[in-house]
Protein backbone atom coordinates (compact mmCIF):
# COMPACT_ATOMS: atom_id res chain seq x y z
CA MET A 1 -15.16 15.64 -9.16
CA PRO A 2 -12.99 14.58 -12.14
CA HIS A 3 -11.40 11.15 -11.92
CA PRO A 4 -7.80 11.46 -10.64
CA PRO A 5 -4.91 10.48 -12.91
CA ALA A 6 -4.20 6.79 -12.42
CA ILE A 7 -0.86 5.04 -12.11
CA PRO A 8 -0.19 3.57 -15.58
CA VAL A 9 -0.76 -0.18 -15.89
CA LYS A 10 1.17 -1.88 -18.69
CA ASP A 11 0.20 -5.00 -20.60
CA LYS A 12 3.14 -6.19 -22.71
CA PHE A 13 1.48 -9.38 -23.92
CA LEU A 14 0.14 -10.14 -27.37
CA PRO A 15 -3.23 -11.96 -27.53
CA GLY A 16 -2.96 -15.65 -26.76
CA LEU A 17 0.39 -15.51 -24.98
CA ALA A 18 0.83 -16.48 -21.33
CA VAL A 19 4.64 -16.23 -21.12
CA ARG A 20 6.96 -13.62 -22.60
CA LEU A 21 10.76 -13.62 -22.40
CA THR A 22 12.91 -10.71 -23.56
CA ARG A 23 16.34 -9.27 -22.95
CA MET A 24 16.57 -6.21 -20.72
CA LYS A 25 16.83 -3.07 -22.86
CA GLU A 26 20.47 -2.02 -22.76
CA VAL A 27 19.92 1.68 -22.16
CA ILE A 28 20.53 3.98 -19.21
CA LYS A 29 17.10 5.32 -18.31
CA THR A 30 14.69 6.44 -15.62
CA THR A 31 11.24 4.98 -16.11
CA ARG A 32 7.88 6.22 -14.88
CA PRO A 33 6.21 4.33 -12.02
CA HIS A 34 3.81 1.76 -13.45
CA GLY A 35 2.08 -1.52 -12.65
CA HIS A 36 1.43 -4.70 -14.62
CA LYS A 37 -1.88 -6.17 -15.72
CA ARG A 38 -2.30 -9.48 -13.89
CA TYR A 39 1.13 -10.88 -14.56
CA TYR A 40 4.38 -11.42 -12.69
CA GLU A 41 7.67 -10.01 -13.92
CA LEU A 42 10.88 -11.79 -12.96
CA ILE A 43 14.07 -9.94 -13.92
CA TYR A 44 17.61 -11.30 -13.79
CA LEU A 45 20.41 -8.78 -14.32
CA THR A 46 23.98 -9.81 -15.02
CA GLU A 47 25.20 -6.19 -15.31
CA GLY A 48 24.02 -2.72 -14.35
CA ALA A 49 23.92 -0.13 -11.58
CA GLY A 50 21.41 2.29 -10.15
CA TRP A 51 18.17 1.81 -8.24
CA HIS A 52 15.02 -0.24 -8.67
CA TYR A 53 11.90 0.92 -6.79
CA ILE A 54 9.23 -1.69 -6.04
CA ASP A 55 6.20 -0.27 -4.27
CA PHE A 56 7.54 1.41 -1.14
CA GLN A 57 11.09 0.02 -1.16
CA ARG A 58 14.29 1.01 -2.99
CA TYR A 59 16.72 -1.72 -4.06
CA PRO A 60 20.22 -1.31 -5.50
CA VAL A 61 20.85 -2.56 -9.03
CA VAL A 62 23.83 -4.92 -8.86
CA PRO A 63 24.99 -7.80 -11.09
CA HIS A 64 23.59 -11.31 -10.64
CA THR A 65 20.46 -10.06 -8.94
CA TYR A 66 16.83 -11.08 -9.33
CA TYR A 67 13.89 -8.70 -8.98
CA LEU A 68 10.29 -9.84 -8.66
CA ILE A 69 7.30 -7.61 -9.40
CA CYS A 70 3.92 -9.13 -8.51
CA PRO A 71 0.55 -8.20 -10.05
CA GLY A 72 -0.69 -4.92 -8.64
CA GLN A 73 2.72 -3.71 -7.50
CA VAL A 74 4.21 -0.47 -8.85
CA HIS A 75 7.86 -0.20 -9.88
CA HIS A 76 10.32 1.94 -11.78
CA TRP A 77 14.03 2.18 -12.55
CA GLU A 78 16.73 4.80 -12.04
CA LEU A 79 19.69 3.31 -13.92
CA SER A 80 23.20 4.78 -13.94
CA GLU A 81 24.91 2.04 -15.98
CA ILE A 82 23.73 -0.04 -18.94
CA PRO A 83 21.77 -3.06 -17.65
CA ARG A 84 22.05 -6.50 -19.20
CA GLY A 85 19.96 -9.52 -18.43
CA TYR A 86 16.56 -11.12 -18.93
CA VAL A 87 12.92 -10.18 -18.29
CA LEU A 88 10.38 -12.98 -17.88
CA MET A 89 6.68 -12.11 -17.79
CA VAL A 90 4.27 -14.81 -16.63
CA LYS A 91 0.50 -14.54 -16.49
CA GLU A 92 -1.36 -15.85 -13.47
CA GLU A 93 -3.25 -18.41 -15.59
CA PHE A 94 0.04 -19.98 -16.76
CA LEU A 95 1.05 -20.57 -13.14
CA GLU A 96 -2.37 -22.08 -12.44
CA GLN A 97 -1.97 -24.47 -15.38
CA HIS A 98 1.63 -25.35 -14.42
CA PRO A 99 1.81 -25.29 -10.60
CA ALA A 100 5.33 -24.75 -9.28
CA PRO A 101 6.88 -26.33 -6.18
CA VAL A 102 7.62 -22.79 -4.97
CA ALA A 103 5.05 -20.01 -5.36
CA LEU A 104 6.29 -16.68 -6.69
CA ASP A 105 4.75 -14.82 -3.78
CA GLU A 106 6.89 -16.91 -1.40
CA LEU A 107 10.03 -15.27 -2.78
CA PRO A 108 11.61 -11.95 -1.75
CA ALA A 109 11.35 -8.90 -3.99
CA THR A 110 15.08 -9.07 -4.70
CA LEU A 111 17.86 -11.60 -4.24
CA THR A 112 21.52 -11.55 -5.24
CA LEU A 113 23.11 -14.88 -6.10
CA ALA A 114 26.76 -15.84 -6.34
CA PRO A 115 28.08 -15.50 -9.91
CA ALA A 116 29.00 -19.20 -9.89
CA THR A 117 25.37 -20.34 -9.77
CA GLU A 118 23.82 -21.97 -12.82
CA ALA A 119 21.15 -19.28 -13.18
CA GLY A 120 22.61 -17.86 -16.40
CA ALA A 121 22.61 -21.27 -18.09
CA VAL A 122 18.95 -21.84 -17.21
CA TRP A 123 18.01 -18.46 -18.68
CA GLU A 124 19.88 -19.27 -21.92
CA LEU A 125 18.06 -22.60 -22.23
CA MET A 126 14.73 -20.93 -21.54
CA GLU A 127 15.42 -18.26 -24.15
CA ARG A 128 16.30 -20.92 -26.73
CA GLU A 129 13.05 -22.74 -25.99
CA TYR A 130 11.02 -19.53 -26.17
CA GLN A 131 12.42 -18.77 -29.63
CA GLN A 132 10.88 -21.93 -31.12
CA PRO A 133 7.18 -21.46 -30.28
CA ASP A 134 5.98 -24.14 -32.71
CA ALA A 135 8.05 -26.94 -31.18
CA PRO A 136 6.13 -29.68 -29.32
CA HIS A 137 5.47 -29.11 -25.60
CA VAL A 138 7.01 -25.65 -25.48
CA ALA A 139 4.76 -24.55 -22.62
CA ALA A 140 5.75 -27.59 -20.55
CA ALA A 141 9.44 -26.96 -21.21
CA LEU A 142 9.16 -23.28 -20.26
CA ALA A 143 7.30 -24.26 -17.11
CA ALA A 144 10.06 -26.73 -16.22
CA TYR A 145 12.76 -24.06 -16.58
CA LEU A 146 10.68 -21.61 -14.59
CA HIS A 147 10.23 -24.16 -11.81
CA LEU A 148 14.00 -24.72 -11.73
CA LEU A 149 14.61 -20.97 -11.46
CA LEU A 150 12.11 -20.66 -8.62
CA VAL A 151 13.74 -23.53 -6.72
CA GLN A 152 17.17 -21.90 -7.19
CA LEU A 153 15.82 -18.63 -5.86
CA TRP A 154 14.08 -20.26 -2.92
CA ARG A 155 17.27 -22.13 -1.99
CA GLY A 156 19.30 -18.93 -2.37
CA GLN A 157 17.46 -17.14 0.43
CA PRO A 158 19.30 -16.83 3.75
CA ASN A 159 16.53 -18.65 5.65
CA PRO A 160 14.06 -20.24 3.22
CA GLN A 161 10.74 -21.08 4.79
CA VAL A 162 8.26 -23.59 3.43
CA ARG A 163 4.66 -22.45 3.60
CA SER A 164 2.88 -24.96 5.80
CA ARG A 165 -0.04 -25.23 3.41
CA PRO A 166 -1.51 -23.30 0.48
CA LEU A 167 -4.38 -20.94 1.05
CA PRO A 168 -7.80 -22.61 0.78
CA PRO A 169 -9.45 -22.04 -2.62
CA LEU A 170 -12.24 -20.02 -0.99
CA VAL A 171 -9.78 -17.58 0.60
CA GLN A 172 -7.83 -17.31 -2.67
CA ALA A 173 -11.09 -16.54 -4.49
CA TYR A 174 -11.99 -13.95 -1.87
CA LYS A 175 -8.63 -12.19 -2.16
CA GLN A 176 -9.00 -12.12 -5.94
CA CYS A 177 -12.52 -10.68 -5.63
CA VAL A 178 -11.17 -7.97 -3.34
CA ASP A 179 -8.39 -7.13 -5.81
CA GLU A 180 -10.96 -6.73 -8.57
CA ASN A 181 -13.65 -4.82 -6.63
CA TYR A 182 -12.09 -2.98 -3.66
CA ARG A 183 -12.78 0.41 -5.22
CA ARG A 184 -16.53 -0.26 -5.32
CA GLN A 185 -17.14 -2.74 -2.51
CA HIS A 186 -16.02 -2.19 1.09
CA LEU A 187 -18.31 -4.64 2.91
CA VAL A 188 -17.58 -8.29 3.65
CA LYS A 189 -21.22 -9.17 2.96
CA GLN A 190 -20.89 -7.95 -0.64
CA TYR A 191 -18.08 -10.41 -1.28
CA ALA A 192 -19.78 -13.21 0.63
CA ASP A 193 -22.83 -12.80 -1.58
CA GLN A 194 -20.63 -13.04 -4.68
CA LEU A 195 -19.06 -16.23 -3.35
CA HIS A 196 -22.50 -17.65 -2.35
CA ILE A 197 -21.57 -18.04 1.32
CA THR A 198 -22.39 -16.18 4.52
CA ALA A 199 -20.24 -13.35 5.80
CA ARG A 200 -19.76 -15.27 9.05
CA TYR A 201 -18.36 -18.31 7.23
CA LEU A 202 -16.06 -16.14 5.10
CA ASN A 203 -14.79 -14.41 8.22
CA LEU A 204 -14.11 -17.77 9.90
CA GLN A 205 -12.15 -19.02 6.86
CA CYS A 206 -10.01 -15.86 6.77
CA GLN A 207 -9.31 -16.09 10.50
CA GLN A 208 -8.13 -19.68 10.13
CA ALA A 209 -6.06 -19.19 6.96
CA LEU A 210 -4.75 -15.63 7.39
CA GLY A 211 -5.05 -14.94 11.10
CA GLN A 212 -7.18 -11.87 10.41
CA PRO A 213 -10.86 -11.11 9.80
CA ALA A 214 -12.21 -10.81 6.29
CA SER A 215 -12.72 -7.08 6.75
CA GLN A 216 -8.98 -6.61 7.25
CA VAL A 217 -8.27 -8.04 3.80
CA ILE A 218 -10.37 -5.24 2.30
CA ALA A 219 -8.85 -2.59 4.55
CA ARG A 220 -5.27 -3.60 3.78
CA ARG A 221 -5.97 -3.59 0.03
CA LEU A 222 -7.46 -0.08 0.25
CA VAL A 223 -4.53 1.24 2.28
CA ARG A 224 -1.99 -0.33 -0.08
CA GLU A 225 -3.56 1.38 -3.08
CA ALA A 226 -3.85 4.66 -1.18
CA LYS A 227 -0.14 4.53 -0.33
CA ARG A 228 0.74 3.88 -3.96
CA GLN A 229 -1.23 6.92 -5.09
CA LEU A 230 0.23 9.09 -2.31
CA LEU A 231 3.72 8.01 -3.34
CA PHE A 232 3.50 7.82 -7.12
CA THR A 233 0.90 10.46 -8.08
CA ALA A 234 0.13 14.09 -7.30
CA ASN A 235 -3.54 13.26 -6.61
CA THR A 236 -5.06 15.11 -3.68
CA VAL A 237 -6.34 13.21 -0.66
CA ALA A 238 -9.88 14.04 -1.77
CA GLN A 239 -9.21 12.64 -5.25
CA ILE A 240 -7.72 9.45 -3.81
CA ALA A 241 -10.67 9.08 -1.46
CA GLY A 242 -13.11 9.39 -4.35
CA ASP A 243 -11.13 6.93 -6.49
CA LEU A 244 -11.26 4.37 -3.67
CA GLY A 245 -15.02 4.71 -3.20
CA PHE A 246 -15.14 7.03 -0.18
CA ASP A 247 -17.76 9.76 -0.49
CA ASP A 248 -16.35 11.71 2.46
CA PRO A 249 -12.61 12.59 2.34
CA SER A 250 -12.55 13.18 6.10
CA TYR A 251 -13.91 9.68 6.74
CA PHE A 252 -11.26 8.29 4.39
CA SER A 253 -8.54 10.12 6.34
CA LYS A 254 -9.83 8.68 9.63
CA PHE A 255 -9.93 5.20 8.08
CA TYR A 256 -6.39 5.59 6.76
CA ARG A 257 -5.06 6.79 10.12
CA LYS A 258 -6.74 3.92 11.96
CA GLN A 259 -5.13 1.39 9.61
CA SER A 260 -1.66 2.90 9.29
CA GLY A 261 -1.14 5.15 12.29
CA GLN A 262 -0.70 8.24 10.10
CA SER A 263 -2.97 10.56 8.19
CA PRO A 264 -2.60 10.49 4.38
CA GLY A 265 -0.95 13.92 4.53
CA GLU A 266 1.54 12.80 7.18
CA TYR A 267 2.46 9.74 5.13
CA ARG A 268 3.00 11.82 1.99
CA GLN A 269 5.13 14.29 3.92
CA SER A 270 7.24 11.47 5.39
CA ILE A 271 8.15 10.17 1.94
CA SER A 272 8.65 13.50 0.19
């Protein structure tokens, strides 16, 4: 069976860069659904109208609004007015080197702030810093501005919640392994072997940190990718099953129904 057409994954970075800051292209456009290669994209619009689709949700484009796209998510735009604002792209390794007081994945996908906030000033300062790459400690300065933006966003939520504690390194490593290998590996033991631990210990750590067994991490990742392909591609259920490592499309359909309560065909019909 030929490999199904994949959702495009963009990489807008030049070699050696870990942060990229640009202005939003000031054009009315509809973009194709696409993902990003292991980097976050934080967008701040001061003007514009239309719709922004992030995975399975549709958000209105309104002034003074932030939009966050995490690695692996799929998004696209349907703009009806010229957008103006900033686009910040940050690789995962930059965030690891410059840990923030607020993690990006603790923030909502979109948040509208009052026009009187100081967000615009922070973006201008960050842009000025970004435009002098040879200045001393540029990375530290960019990280400081990013941290300030994240704190502003966290405070701007209606009911900000502080995560009680970060995920243990082992569970973080497991989730990353699943993200990289879920198409080929569906068994907890395969990941436990990679991490040089027993499947029982991995399961215990996931139960304590996530409140779910290790197998559910794999299942949820498979279903999330299946939903993206059902929504954003014309791939058949059989093609999606094969892409996700299922030899039997009927078994894949049973797995999908068990996890989501719908068959793949019913889900696709519900969103058409």
